C-alpha cells in the first residue's frame, strides 16, 4: 500500500499541482498548429491530480475535484468530441471540415479542432484519474 504523508511530498504537491494544471491549459490551447494538444495536456493534468492523490489520498483528491466523478469527465469529453464534427454541416461544408470563429475583443479564434481537443483533454484526464483512483482504492483494501 502507498503511504502518503511526507512533508516534502505534501509541499511539492501543493506547489506543483497548480503549475501543472496551468501548463496543461497552455499545452491544450497551443496544440493545434504546434506541439501539444488535448492528449498530452490531459496527461499533464492527470499527472498533477495523481501527484496530489499520492500525497493526500483518494478522498482528498475527490474533494479537490468537487463532486466531479472521473467517469463524468470521460462522458463529457466524448460528447464534446462528437459535437465538434457537426458545425460544418450547418454551413454546407463536408463532414469534419474545421470551422473557425473570431471572438470579438480578444485576439483568440475558437474552432472545432479546439472543441475536439478539449474533448480529448477531458476524456484522457477522466480515464487516467479513474484508473489511478481505482487502483489506489483497491490497494487500500488489501492487507
N, C-alpha and C. Protein backbone atom coordinates (compact mmCIF):
# COMPACT_ATOMS: atom_id res chain seq x y z
N UNK A 1 0.84 -1.18 0.00
CA UNK A 1 0.00 0.00 0.00
C UNK A 1 0.89 1.25 0.00
N UNK A 2 0.48 2.26 -0.74
CA UNK A 2 1.23 3.50 -0.81
C UNK A 2 0.91 4.32 0.43
N UNK A 3 1.95 4.71 1.12
CA UNK A 3 1.75 5.52 2.33
C UNK A 3 1.95 6.98 1.96
N UNK A 4 0.88 7.74 2.04
CA UNK A 4 1.01 9.17 1.79
C UNK A 4 1.38 9.84 3.10
N UNK A 5 2.18 10.87 3.03
CA UNK A 5 2.41 11.54 4.28
C UNK A 5 3.70 12.27 4.49
N UNK A 6 4.65 12.30 3.59
CA UNK A 6 5.87 13.03 3.90
C UNK A 6 5.67 14.52 3.70
N UNK A 7 6.38 15.29 4.47
CA UNK A 7 6.28 16.75 4.39
C UNK A 7 6.72 17.26 3.02
N UNK A 8 7.77 16.68 2.49
CA UNK A 8 8.28 17.12 1.18
C UNK A 8 7.24 16.85 0.09
N UNK A 9 6.63 15.66 0.12
CA UNK A 9 5.63 15.33 -0.87
C UNK A 9 4.39 16.23 -0.75
N UNK A 10 3.96 16.51 0.46
CA UNK A 10 2.81 17.41 0.67
C UNK A 10 3.10 18.80 0.11
N UNK A 11 4.26 19.32 0.43
CA UNK A 11 4.63 20.66 -0.03
C UNK A 11 4.77 20.69 -1.55
N UNK A 12 5.43 19.70 -2.10
CA UNK A 12 5.61 19.65 -3.55
C UNK A 12 4.27 19.55 -4.27
N UNK A 13 3.38 18.73 -3.74
CA UNK A 13 2.07 18.56 -4.38
C UNK A 13 1.28 19.87 -4.38
N UNK A 14 1.32 20.59 -3.27
CA UNK A 14 0.58 21.85 -3.20
C UNK A 14 1.15 22.92 -4.11
N UNK A 15 2.46 22.89 -4.33
CA UNK A 15 3.09 23.89 -5.20
C UNK A 15 2.98 23.48 -6.66
N UNK A 16 3.23 22.20 -6.96
CA UNK A 16 3.30 21.76 -8.35
C UNK A 16 1.94 21.56 -9.01
N UNK A 17 0.92 21.21 -8.25
CA UNK A 17 -0.37 20.94 -8.87
C UNK A 17 -0.92 22.13 -9.65
N UNK A 18 -0.98 23.33 -9.07
CA UNK A 18 -1.48 24.46 -9.88
C UNK A 18 -0.59 24.77 -11.08
N UNK A 19 0.71 24.61 -10.92
CA UNK A 19 1.62 24.86 -12.04
C UNK A 19 1.41 23.85 -13.17
N UNK A 20 1.24 22.59 -12.81
CA UNK A 20 0.99 21.57 -13.82
C UNK A 20 -0.34 21.79 -14.52
N UNK A 21 -1.37 22.17 -13.77
CA UNK A 21 -2.66 22.43 -14.39
C UNK A 21 -2.60 23.63 -15.34
N UNK A 22 -1.88 24.66 -14.95
CA UNK A 22 -1.70 25.83 -15.81
C UNK A 22 -0.93 25.45 -17.07
N UNK A 23 0.10 24.64 -16.92
CA UNK A 23 0.88 24.18 -18.08
C UNK A 23 0.02 23.31 -18.99
N UNK A 24 -0.86 22.51 -18.41
CA UNK A 24 -1.73 21.67 -19.25
C UNK A 24 -2.69 22.53 -20.08
N UNK A 25 -3.18 23.61 -19.51
CA UNK A 25 -4.05 24.52 -20.28
C UNK A 25 -3.25 25.19 -21.39
N UNK A 26 -2.00 25.57 -21.11
CA UNK A 26 -1.13 26.13 -22.15
C UNK A 26 -0.94 25.13 -23.29
N UNK A 27 -0.65 23.87 -22.95
CA UNK A 27 -0.48 22.85 -23.98
C UNK A 27 -1.76 22.62 -24.77
N UNK A 28 -2.88 22.67 -24.09
CA UNK A 28 -4.17 22.48 -24.75
C UNK A 28 -4.43 23.58 -25.77
N UNK A 29 -4.22 24.82 -25.39
CA UNK A 29 -4.52 25.94 -26.28
C UNK A 29 -3.49 26.10 -27.39
N UNK A 30 -2.30 25.62 -27.18
CA UNK A 30 -1.24 25.75 -28.16
C UNK A 30 -1.31 24.66 -29.21
N UNK A 31 -1.97 23.57 -28.92
CA UNK A 31 -1.76 22.33 -29.60
C UNK A 31 -2.21 22.11 -31.02
N UNK A 32 -3.01 22.95 -31.63
CA UNK A 32 -3.49 22.59 -32.96
C UNK A 32 -2.41 22.70 -34.02
N UNK A 33 -1.70 23.81 -34.07
CA UNK A 33 -0.69 24.02 -35.10
C UNK A 33 0.73 23.77 -34.62
N UNK A 34 0.92 23.61 -33.34
CA UNK A 34 2.24 23.41 -32.77
C UNK A 34 2.17 22.20 -31.84
N UNK A 35 3.33 21.75 -31.36
CA UNK A 35 3.30 20.59 -30.45
C UNK A 35 2.43 20.85 -29.23
N UNK A 36 1.68 19.87 -28.87
CA UNK A 36 0.75 19.97 -27.75
C UNK A 36 -0.58 19.40 -28.17
N UNK A 37 -1.61 19.76 -27.49
CA UNK A 37 -2.95 19.29 -27.84
C UNK A 37 -3.62 18.63 -26.68
N UNK A 38 -4.81 18.11 -26.94
CA UNK A 38 -5.64 17.57 -25.88
C UNK A 38 -5.06 16.36 -25.19
N UNK A 39 -4.39 15.48 -25.92
CA UNK A 39 -3.90 14.25 -25.31
C UNK A 39 -2.79 14.52 -24.31
N UNK A 40 -1.75 15.20 -24.74
CA UNK A 40 -0.63 15.44 -23.83
C UNK A 40 -1.04 16.39 -22.72
N UNK A 41 -1.92 17.35 -23.01
CA UNK A 41 -2.40 18.26 -21.96
C UNK A 41 -3.21 17.49 -20.92
N UNK A 42 -4.02 16.54 -21.37
CA UNK A 42 -4.77 15.71 -20.43
C UNK A 42 -3.86 14.86 -19.57
N UNK A 43 -2.77 14.35 -20.15
CA UNK A 43 -1.82 13.57 -19.37
C UNK A 43 -1.11 14.42 -18.32
N UNK A 44 -0.76 15.66 -18.68
CA UNK A 44 -0.10 16.55 -17.72
C UNK A 44 -1.06 16.88 -16.57
N UNK A 45 -2.32 17.16 -16.90
CA UNK A 45 -3.31 17.44 -15.85
C UNK A 45 -3.54 16.22 -14.98
N UNK A 46 -3.59 15.04 -15.59
CA UNK A 46 -3.75 13.81 -14.81
C UNK A 46 -2.55 13.59 -13.90
N UNK A 47 -1.37 13.95 -14.38
CA UNK A 47 -0.17 13.86 -13.55
C UNK A 47 -0.25 14.76 -12.34
N UNK A 48 -0.83 15.93 -12.51
CA UNK A 48 -1.00 16.86 -11.38
C UNK A 48 -1.93 16.26 -10.33
N UNK A 49 -3.06 15.74 -10.78
CA UNK A 49 -4.00 15.14 -9.83
C UNK A 49 -3.45 13.86 -9.21
N UNK A 50 -2.65 13.11 -9.96
CA UNK A 50 -2.05 11.89 -9.43
C UNK A 50 -1.03 12.21 -8.36
N UNK A 51 -0.24 13.26 -8.57
CA UNK A 51 0.70 13.69 -7.54
C UNK A 51 -0.05 14.08 -6.27
N UNK A 52 -1.13 14.81 -6.42
CA UNK A 52 -1.96 15.19 -5.27
C UNK A 52 -2.55 13.94 -4.60
N UNK A 53 -2.96 12.99 -5.42
CA UNK A 53 -3.52 11.73 -4.92
C UNK A 53 -2.50 10.97 -4.08
N UNK A 54 -1.27 10.88 -4.56
CA UNK A 54 -0.23 10.18 -3.81
C UNK A 54 0.10 10.90 -2.51
N UNK A 55 0.00 12.21 -2.52
CA UNK A 55 0.34 12.98 -1.31
C UNK A 55 -0.76 12.96 -0.27
N UNK A 56 -2.02 13.08 -0.70
CA UNK A 56 -3.10 13.29 0.25
C UNK A 56 -4.16 12.20 0.26
N UNK A 57 -4.15 11.29 -0.69
CA UNK A 57 -5.11 10.20 -0.70
C UNK A 57 -6.30 10.44 -1.61
N UNK A 58 -7.10 9.40 -1.75
CA UNK A 58 -8.23 9.42 -2.69
C UNK A 58 -9.32 10.39 -2.24
N UNK A 59 -9.66 10.37 -0.96
CA UNK A 59 -10.76 11.23 -0.50
C UNK A 59 -10.42 12.71 -0.65
N UNK A 60 -9.19 13.09 -0.38
CA UNK A 60 -8.78 14.49 -0.55
C UNK A 60 -8.80 14.89 -2.02
N UNK A 61 -8.42 13.97 -2.89
CA UNK A 61 -8.44 14.27 -4.33
C UNK A 61 -9.86 14.41 -4.83
N UNK A 62 -10.76 13.58 -4.32
CA UNK A 62 -12.18 13.72 -4.70
C UNK A 62 -12.73 15.07 -4.24
N UNK A 63 -12.28 15.55 -3.08
CA UNK A 63 -12.71 16.87 -2.61
C UNK A 63 -12.19 17.97 -3.53
N UNK A 64 -10.97 17.82 -4.02
CA UNK A 64 -10.41 18.82 -4.94
C UNK A 64 -11.20 18.82 -6.25
N UNK A 65 -11.62 17.65 -6.69
CA UNK A 65 -12.41 17.57 -7.92
C UNK A 65 -13.84 18.10 -7.74
N UNK A 66 -14.24 18.36 -6.51
CA UNK A 66 -15.53 18.96 -6.17
C UNK A 66 -16.71 18.24 -6.80
N UNK A 67 -16.87 17.00 -6.43
CA UNK A 67 -18.02 16.19 -6.83
C UNK A 67 -18.08 15.93 -8.33
N UNK A 68 -16.98 16.01 -9.05
CA UNK A 68 -16.95 15.62 -10.45
C UNK A 68 -16.29 14.25 -10.50
N UNK A 69 -17.06 13.27 -10.89
CA UNK A 69 -16.53 11.92 -10.99
C UNK A 69 -15.69 11.81 -12.26
N UNK A 70 -14.57 11.10 -12.22
CA UNK A 70 -13.77 10.95 -13.44
C UNK A 70 -14.55 10.35 -14.61
N UNK A 71 -15.52 9.48 -14.32
CA UNK A 71 -16.33 8.92 -15.40
C UNK A 71 -17.19 9.99 -16.08
N UNK A 72 -17.59 11.01 -15.33
CA UNK A 72 -18.33 12.13 -15.93
C UNK A 72 -17.43 12.93 -16.88
N UNK A 73 -16.14 13.05 -16.52
CA UNK A 73 -15.19 13.73 -17.40
C UNK A 73 -15.03 12.97 -18.71
N UNK A 74 -15.00 11.65 -18.63
CA UNK A 74 -14.90 10.83 -19.85
C UNK A 74 -16.12 11.07 -20.73
N UNK A 75 -17.30 11.02 -20.14
CA UNK A 75 -18.53 11.23 -20.90
C UNK A 75 -18.60 12.61 -21.52
N UNK A 76 -18.22 13.63 -20.77
CA UNK A 76 -18.23 15.00 -21.31
C UNK A 76 -17.22 15.15 -22.44
N UNK A 77 -16.07 14.52 -22.29
CA UNK A 77 -15.07 14.58 -23.35
C UNK A 77 -15.55 13.92 -24.63
N UNK A 78 -16.18 12.76 -24.50
CA UNK A 78 -16.71 12.09 -25.69
C UNK A 78 -17.83 12.90 -26.34
N UNK A 79 -18.65 13.53 -25.51
CA UNK A 79 -19.73 14.37 -26.04
C UNK A 79 -19.16 15.57 -26.81
N UNK A 80 -18.16 16.23 -26.24
CA UNK A 80 -17.55 17.37 -26.95
C UNK A 80 -16.88 16.93 -28.25
N UNK A 81 -16.25 15.76 -28.23
CA UNK A 81 -15.65 15.24 -29.45
C UNK A 81 -16.68 15.02 -30.54
N UNK A 82 -17.83 14.51 -30.15
CA UNK A 82 -18.90 14.28 -31.13
C UNK A 82 -19.53 15.60 -31.61
N UNK A 83 -19.69 16.54 -30.69
CA UNK A 83 -20.28 17.83 -31.06
C UNK A 83 -19.40 18.58 -32.05
N UNK A 84 -18.09 18.41 -31.94
CA UNK A 84 -17.17 19.19 -32.78
C UNK A 84 -17.24 18.83 -34.26
N UNK A 85 -17.85 17.72 -34.61
CA UNK A 85 -17.90 17.33 -36.02
C UNK A 85 -19.10 17.91 -36.76
N UNK A 86 -20.09 18.45 -36.06
CA UNK A 86 -21.33 18.87 -36.70
C UNK A 86 -21.38 20.31 -37.23
N UNK A 87 -20.62 21.29 -36.75
CA UNK A 87 -20.77 22.65 -37.27
C UNK A 87 -20.55 22.78 -38.78
N UNK A 88 -19.74 21.94 -39.38
CA UNK A 88 -19.52 22.02 -40.83
C UNK A 88 -20.82 21.73 -41.59
N UNK A 89 -21.64 20.86 -41.07
CA UNK A 89 -22.90 20.56 -41.74
C UNK A 89 -23.82 21.77 -41.78
N UNK A 90 -23.75 22.61 -40.75
CA UNK A 90 -24.64 23.77 -40.69
C UNK A 90 -24.28 24.85 -41.70
N UNK A 91 -23.07 24.82 -42.23
CA UNK A 91 -22.66 25.80 -43.25
C UNK A 91 -22.43 25.12 -44.60
N UNK A 92 -23.05 23.95 -44.79
CA UNK A 92 -22.99 23.19 -46.05
C UNK A 92 -21.58 22.89 -46.52
N UNK A 93 -20.73 22.46 -45.61
CA UNK A 93 -19.39 22.02 -45.95
C UNK A 93 -19.26 20.54 -45.63
N UNK A 94 -18.23 19.87 -46.17
CA UNK A 94 -18.08 18.43 -45.89
C UNK A 94 -17.92 18.15 -44.40
N UNK A 95 -18.36 16.95 -44.04
CA UNK A 95 -18.26 16.46 -42.66
C UNK A 95 -16.82 16.55 -42.18
N UNK A 96 -16.61 16.99 -40.94
CA UNK A 96 -15.31 17.13 -40.28
C UNK A 96 -14.47 18.29 -40.81
N UNK A 97 -15.03 19.20 -41.60
CA UNK A 97 -14.29 20.38 -42.03
C UNK A 97 -14.17 21.33 -40.84
N UNK A 98 -12.96 21.81 -40.59
CA UNK A 98 -12.73 22.70 -39.44
C UNK A 98 -13.43 24.04 -39.65
N UNK A 99 -14.02 24.53 -38.60
CA UNK A 99 -14.69 25.83 -38.60
C UNK A 99 -13.99 26.73 -37.59
N UNK A 100 -13.81 28.00 -37.94
CA UNK A 100 -13.11 28.96 -37.08
C UNK A 100 -14.01 30.16 -36.83
N UNK A 101 -14.04 30.64 -35.58
CA UNK A 101 -14.84 31.80 -35.22
C UNK A 101 -13.96 32.78 -34.48
N UNK A 102 -14.07 34.05 -34.83
CA UNK A 102 -13.34 35.11 -34.15
C UNK A 102 -14.13 35.55 -32.92
N UNK A 103 -13.44 35.62 -31.80
CA UNK A 103 -14.08 36.10 -30.58
C UNK A 103 -13.78 37.60 -30.48
N UNK A 104 -14.81 38.45 -30.53
CA UNK A 104 -14.56 39.90 -30.52
C UNK A 104 -13.96 40.37 -29.20
N UNK A 105 -13.07 41.33 -29.30
CA UNK A 105 -12.48 41.92 -28.11
C UNK A 105 -11.17 41.29 -27.67
N UNK A 106 -10.92 40.07 -28.07
CA UNK A 106 -9.67 39.39 -27.72
C UNK A 106 -9.08 38.79 -28.99
N UNK A 107 -7.80 38.59 -28.98
CA UNK A 107 -7.12 38.01 -30.14
C UNK A 107 -7.13 36.49 -30.00
N UNK A 108 -8.32 35.90 -30.13
CA UNK A 108 -8.45 34.46 -29.95
C UNK A 108 -9.46 33.92 -30.96
N UNK A 109 -9.14 32.80 -31.56
CA UNK A 109 -10.03 32.16 -32.52
C UNK A 109 -10.51 30.83 -31.95
N UNK A 110 -11.81 30.70 -31.78
CA UNK A 110 -12.39 29.43 -31.37
C UNK A 110 -12.57 28.58 -32.62
N UNK A 111 -12.49 27.28 -32.45
CA UNK A 111 -12.59 26.42 -33.62
C UNK A 111 -13.10 25.05 -33.22
N UNK A 112 -13.54 24.30 -34.24
CA UNK A 112 -13.95 22.93 -33.97
C UNK A 112 -12.77 22.05 -33.56
N UNK A 113 -11.54 22.26 -34.11
CA UNK A 113 -10.43 21.47 -33.58
C UNK A 113 -10.16 21.73 -32.10
N UNK A 114 -10.37 22.96 -31.65
CA UNK A 114 -10.19 23.26 -30.23
C UNK A 114 -11.25 22.55 -29.39
N UNK A 115 -12.50 22.53 -29.87
CA UNK A 115 -13.56 21.82 -29.15
C UNK A 115 -13.22 20.33 -29.07
N UNK A 116 -12.72 19.78 -30.18
CA UNK A 116 -12.32 18.38 -30.19
C UNK A 116 -11.17 18.13 -29.21
N UNK A 117 -10.17 19.04 -29.20
CA UNK A 117 -9.03 18.90 -28.28
C UNK A 117 -9.48 18.97 -26.82
N UNK A 118 -10.43 19.84 -26.52
CA UNK A 118 -10.96 19.91 -25.15
C UNK A 118 -11.65 18.59 -24.80
N UNK A 119 -12.36 18.01 -25.75
CA UNK A 119 -12.98 16.71 -25.53
C UNK A 119 -11.95 15.63 -25.26
N UNK A 120 -10.86 15.61 -26.03
CA UNK A 120 -9.79 14.64 -25.81
C UNK A 120 -9.16 14.87 -24.44
N UNK A 121 -8.93 16.14 -24.10
CA UNK A 121 -8.35 16.51 -22.80
C UNK A 121 -9.19 15.93 -21.66
N UNK A 122 -10.50 16.16 -21.71
CA UNK A 122 -11.37 15.66 -20.64
C UNK A 122 -11.44 14.14 -20.61
N UNK A 123 -11.46 13.51 -21.79
CA UNK A 123 -11.53 12.04 -21.83
C UNK A 123 -10.25 11.42 -21.28
N UNK A 124 -9.10 11.97 -21.65
CA UNK A 124 -7.83 11.44 -21.14
C UNK A 124 -7.72 11.68 -19.65
N UNK A 125 -8.04 12.89 -19.20
CA UNK A 125 -7.99 13.21 -17.77
C UNK A 125 -8.90 12.28 -16.98
N UNK A 126 -10.13 12.10 -17.42
CA UNK A 126 -11.05 11.23 -16.73
C UNK A 126 -10.61 9.78 -16.73
N UNK A 127 -10.07 9.31 -17.83
CA UNK A 127 -9.62 7.92 -17.92
C UNK A 127 -8.47 7.63 -16.97
N UNK A 128 -7.47 8.50 -16.99
CA UNK A 128 -6.31 8.28 -16.12
C UNK A 128 -6.71 8.41 -14.65
N UNK A 129 -7.51 9.41 -14.33
CA UNK A 129 -7.94 9.56 -12.93
C UNK A 129 -8.77 8.37 -12.46
N UNK A 130 -9.65 7.88 -13.31
CA UNK A 130 -10.46 6.72 -12.93
C UNK A 130 -9.57 5.50 -12.66
N UNK A 131 -8.58 5.29 -13.54
CA UNK A 131 -7.69 4.15 -13.35
C UNK A 131 -6.87 4.27 -12.06
N UNK A 132 -6.26 5.43 -11.87
CA UNK A 132 -5.38 5.60 -10.71
C UNK A 132 -6.17 5.57 -9.41
N UNK A 133 -7.32 6.23 -9.38
CA UNK A 133 -8.14 6.23 -8.16
C UNK A 133 -8.63 4.83 -7.83
N UNK A 134 -9.04 4.08 -8.84
CA UNK A 134 -9.49 2.72 -8.60
C UNK A 134 -8.37 1.85 -8.07
N UNK A 135 -7.19 2.00 -8.64
CA UNK A 135 -6.04 1.23 -8.16
C UNK A 135 -5.68 1.60 -6.72
N UNK A 136 -5.76 2.89 -6.40
CA UNK A 136 -5.45 3.32 -5.03
C UNK A 136 -6.50 2.79 -4.04
N UNK A 137 -7.77 2.78 -4.44
CA UNK A 137 -8.81 2.27 -3.54
C UNK A 137 -8.69 0.77 -3.35
N UNK A 138 -8.35 0.04 -4.40
CA UNK A 138 -8.17 -1.41 -4.29
C UNK A 138 -6.95 -1.71 -3.43
N UNK A 139 -5.87 -0.95 -3.61
CA UNK A 139 -4.65 -1.16 -2.83
C UNK A 139 -4.91 -0.90 -1.36
N UNK A 140 -5.78 0.05 -1.06
CA UNK A 140 -6.09 0.40 0.33
C UNK A 140 -6.84 -0.76 1.01
N UNK A 141 -7.64 -1.48 0.25
CA UNK A 141 -8.44 -2.56 0.83
C UNK A 141 -7.64 -3.84 1.11
N UNK A 142 -6.52 -4.02 0.41
CA UNK A 142 -5.74 -5.23 0.59
C UNK A 142 -4.97 -5.17 1.91
N UNK A 143 -4.73 -6.34 2.55
CA UNK A 143 -4.00 -6.33 3.83
C UNK A 143 -2.53 -5.99 3.69
